[in-house]
Amino acid sequence: MLAGALGVGVGGVASFAALFFGGSVVGLSAAGITSGLAAAGAVVGGGMAAGVAVLAIATALQVTKTLLFPLRCQTFRLRRTF
């Protein structure tokens, strides 16, 4: 569980760093956030709304992996014992 929390933290920091440094204007001003989201969205051919999804995907994948992987291991152990 601690590894999952660490992974989510790392994903969040990476997303924040991409937002902060990703655009043509660096910083957390309105122009910096707009530029960072637009640059992240351009990766998938979208705009700022797509940029939110691109930056959130790293953290969402870590949460999904953290929640589903232990359940999968428990299911495998149960199948193996019978």
C-alpha atoms as a PDB file:
ATOM      1  CA  MET A   1       0.000   0.000   0.000  1.00  0.00           C
ATOM      2  CA  LEU A   2       2.889   2.333   0.762  1.00  0.00           C
ATOM      3  CA  ALA A   3       4.376   1.687  -2.672  1.00  0.00           C
ATOM      4  CA  GLY A   4       1.042   2.607  -4.251  1.00  0.00           C
ATOM      5  CA  ALA A   5       0.867   5.848  -2.312  1.00  0.00           C
ATOM      6  CA  LEU A   6       4.431   6.635  -3.340  1.00  0.00           C
ATOM      7  CA  GLY A   7       3.593   5.894  -6.971  1.00  0.00           C
ATOM      8  CA  VAL A   8       0.564   8.171  -6.868  1.00  0.00           C
ATOM      9  CA  GLY A   9       2.702  10.916  -5.317  1.00  0.00           C
ATOM     10  CA  VAL A  10       5.321  10.558  -8.023  1.00  0.00           C
ATOM     11  CA  GLY A  11       2.618  10.641 -10.714  1.00  0.00           C
ATOM     12  CA  GLY A  12       1.159  13.793  -9.199  1.00  0.00           C
ATOM     13  CA  VAL A  13       4.534  15.509  -9.006  1.00  0.00           C
ATOM     14  CA  ALA A  14       5.310  14.555 -12.606  1.00  0.00           C
ATOM     15  CA  SER A  15       1.970  15.961 -13.770  1.00  0.00           C
ATOM     16  CA  PHE A  16       2.532  19.167 -11.815  1.00  0.00           C
ATOM     17  CA  ALA A  17       6.040  19.550 -13.247  1.00  0.00           C
ATOM     18  CA  ALA A  18       4.710  18.996 -16.761  1.00  0.00           C
ATOM     19  CA  LEU A  19       2.084  21.688 -16.176  1.00  0.00           C
ATOM     20  CA  PHE A  20       4.622  24.100 -14.686  1.00  0.00           C
ATOM     21  CA  PHE A  21       7.384  23.667 -17.283  1.00  0.00           C
ATOM     22  CA  GLY A  22       5.464  22.282 -20.264  1.00  0.00           C
ATOM     23  CA  GLY A  23       4.234  25.369 -22.046  1.00  0.00           C
ATOM     24  CA  SER A  24       5.904  28.342 -23.625  1.00  0.00           C
ATOM     25  CA  VAL A  25       5.172  30.424 -20.491  1.00  0.00           C
ATOM     26  CA  VAL A  26       6.649  28.907 -17.323  1.00  0.00           C
ATOM     27  CA  GLY A  27       4.835  29.348 -14.020  1.00  0.00           C
ATOM     28  CA  LEU A  28       1.491  29.115 -12.314  1.00  0.00           C
ATOM     29  CA  SER A  29       0.012  32.346 -13.618  1.00  0.00           C
ATOM     30  CA  ALA A  30      -3.081  32.170 -15.799  1.00  0.00           C
ATOM     31  CA  ALA A  31      -0.895  32.366 -18.893  1.00  0.00           C
ATOM     32  CA  GLY A  32       1.435  29.646 -17.601  1.00  0.00           C
ATOM     33  CA  ILE A  33      -1.375  27.231 -16.751  1.00  0.00           C
ATOM     34  CA  THR A  34      -3.123  27.892 -20.061  1.00  0.00           C
ATOM     35  CA  SER A  35       0.106  27.357 -21.961  1.00  0.00           C
ATOM     36  CA  GLY A  36       0.951  24.178 -20.060  1.00  0.00           C
ATOM     37  CA  LEU A  37      -2.498  22.648 -20.536  1.00  0.00           C
ATOM     38  CA  ALA A  38      -2.543  23.535 -24.218  1.00  0.00           C
ATOM     39  CA  ALA A  39       0.918  22.002 -24.708  1.00  0.00           C
ATOM     40  CA  ALA A  40      -0.096  18.810 -22.887  1.00  0.00           C
ATOM     41  CA  GLY A  41      -3.323  18.624 -24.901  1.00  0.00           C
ATOM     42  CA  ALA A  42      -1.412  19.053 -28.137  1.00  0.00           C
ATOM     43  CA  VAL A  43       0.239  15.682 -27.453  1.00  0.00           C
ATOM     44  CA  VAL A  44      -3.068  13.989 -28.296  1.00  0.00           C
ATOM     45  CA  GLY A  45      -4.235  16.569 -30.812  1.00  0.00           C
ATOM     46  CA  GLY A  46      -6.550  18.465 -28.466  1.00  0.00           C
ATOM     47  CA  GLY A  47      -6.630  21.660 -26.490  1.00  0.00           C
ATOM     48  CA  MET A  48      -6.678  22.614 -22.839  1.00  0.00           C
ATOM     49  CA  ALA A  49      -9.438  20.160 -21.860  1.00  0.00           C
ATOM     50  CA  ALA A  50      -7.466  17.302 -23.378  1.00  0.00           C
ATOM     51  CA  GLY A  51      -4.423  18.616 -21.508  1.00  0.00           C
ATOM     52  CA  VAL A  52      -6.196  18.083 -18.195  1.00  0.00           C
ATOM     53  CA  ALA A  53      -6.816  14.450 -19.167  1.00  0.00           C
ATOM     54  CA  VAL A  54      -3.231  13.931 -20.347  1.00  0.00           C
ATOM     55  CA  LEU A  55      -1.813  15.276 -17.092  1.00  0.00           C
ATOM     56  CA  ALA A  56      -4.274  13.313 -14.954  1.00  0.00           C
ATOM     57  CA  ILE A  57      -3.705   9.994 -16.703  1.00  0.00           C
ATOM     58  CA  ALA A  58      -0.422   9.229 -14.890  1.00  0.00           C
ATOM     59  CA  THR A  59      -2.021   9.541 -11.474  1.00  0.00           C
ATOM     60  CA  ALA A  60      -5.175   7.707 -12.573  1.00  0.00           C
ATOM     61  CA  LEU A  61      -3.134   4.783 -13.864  1.00  0.00           C
ATOM     62  CA  GLN A  62      -1.189   4.562 -10.610  1.00  0.00           C
ATOM     63  CA  VAL A  63      -4.405   4.541  -8.559  1.00  0.00           C
ATOM     64  CA  THR A  64      -5.932   1.872 -10.798  1.00  0.00           C
ATOM     65  CA  LYS A  65      -2.826  -0.282 -10.574  1.00  0.00           C
ATOM     66  CA  THR A  66      -2.668   0.134  -6.802  1.00  0.00           C
ATOM     67  CA  LEU A  67      -6.297  -0.889  -6.351  1.00  0.00           C
ATOM     68  CA  LEU A  68      -6.482  -3.744  -8.862  1.00  0.00           C
ATOM     69  CA  PHE A  69      -3.091  -5.430  -8.515  1.00  0.00           C
ATOM     70  CA  PRO A  70      -3.584  -6.678  -4.900  1.00  0.00           C
ATOM     71  CA  LEU A  71      -7.035  -8.014  -5.802  1.00  0.00           C
ATOM     72  CA  ARG A  72      -5.568  -9.895  -8.741  1.00  0.00           C
ATOM     73  CA  CYS A  73      -2.856 -11.393  -6.525  1.00  0.00           C
ATOM     74  CA  GLN A  74      -5.441 -12.538  -3.979  1.00  0.00           C
ATOM     75  CA  THR A  75      -7.544 -14.145  -6.706  1.00  0.00           C
ATOM     76  CA  PHE A  76      -4.472 -15.979  -8.035  1.00  0.00           C
ATOM     77  CA  ARG A  77      -3.614 -17.269  -4.551  1.00  0.00           C
ATOM     78  CA  LEU A  78      -7.168 -18.483  -4.003  1.00  0.00           C
ATOM     79  CA  ARG A  79      -7.193 -20.351  -7.302  1.00  0.00           C
ATOM     80  CA  ARG A  80      -3.836 -21.883  -6.558  1.00  0.00           C
ATOM     81  CA  THR A  81      -4.857 -23.294  -3.187  1.00  0.00           C
ATOM     82  CA  PHE A  82      -7.874 -25.181  -4.504  1.00  0.00           C
END
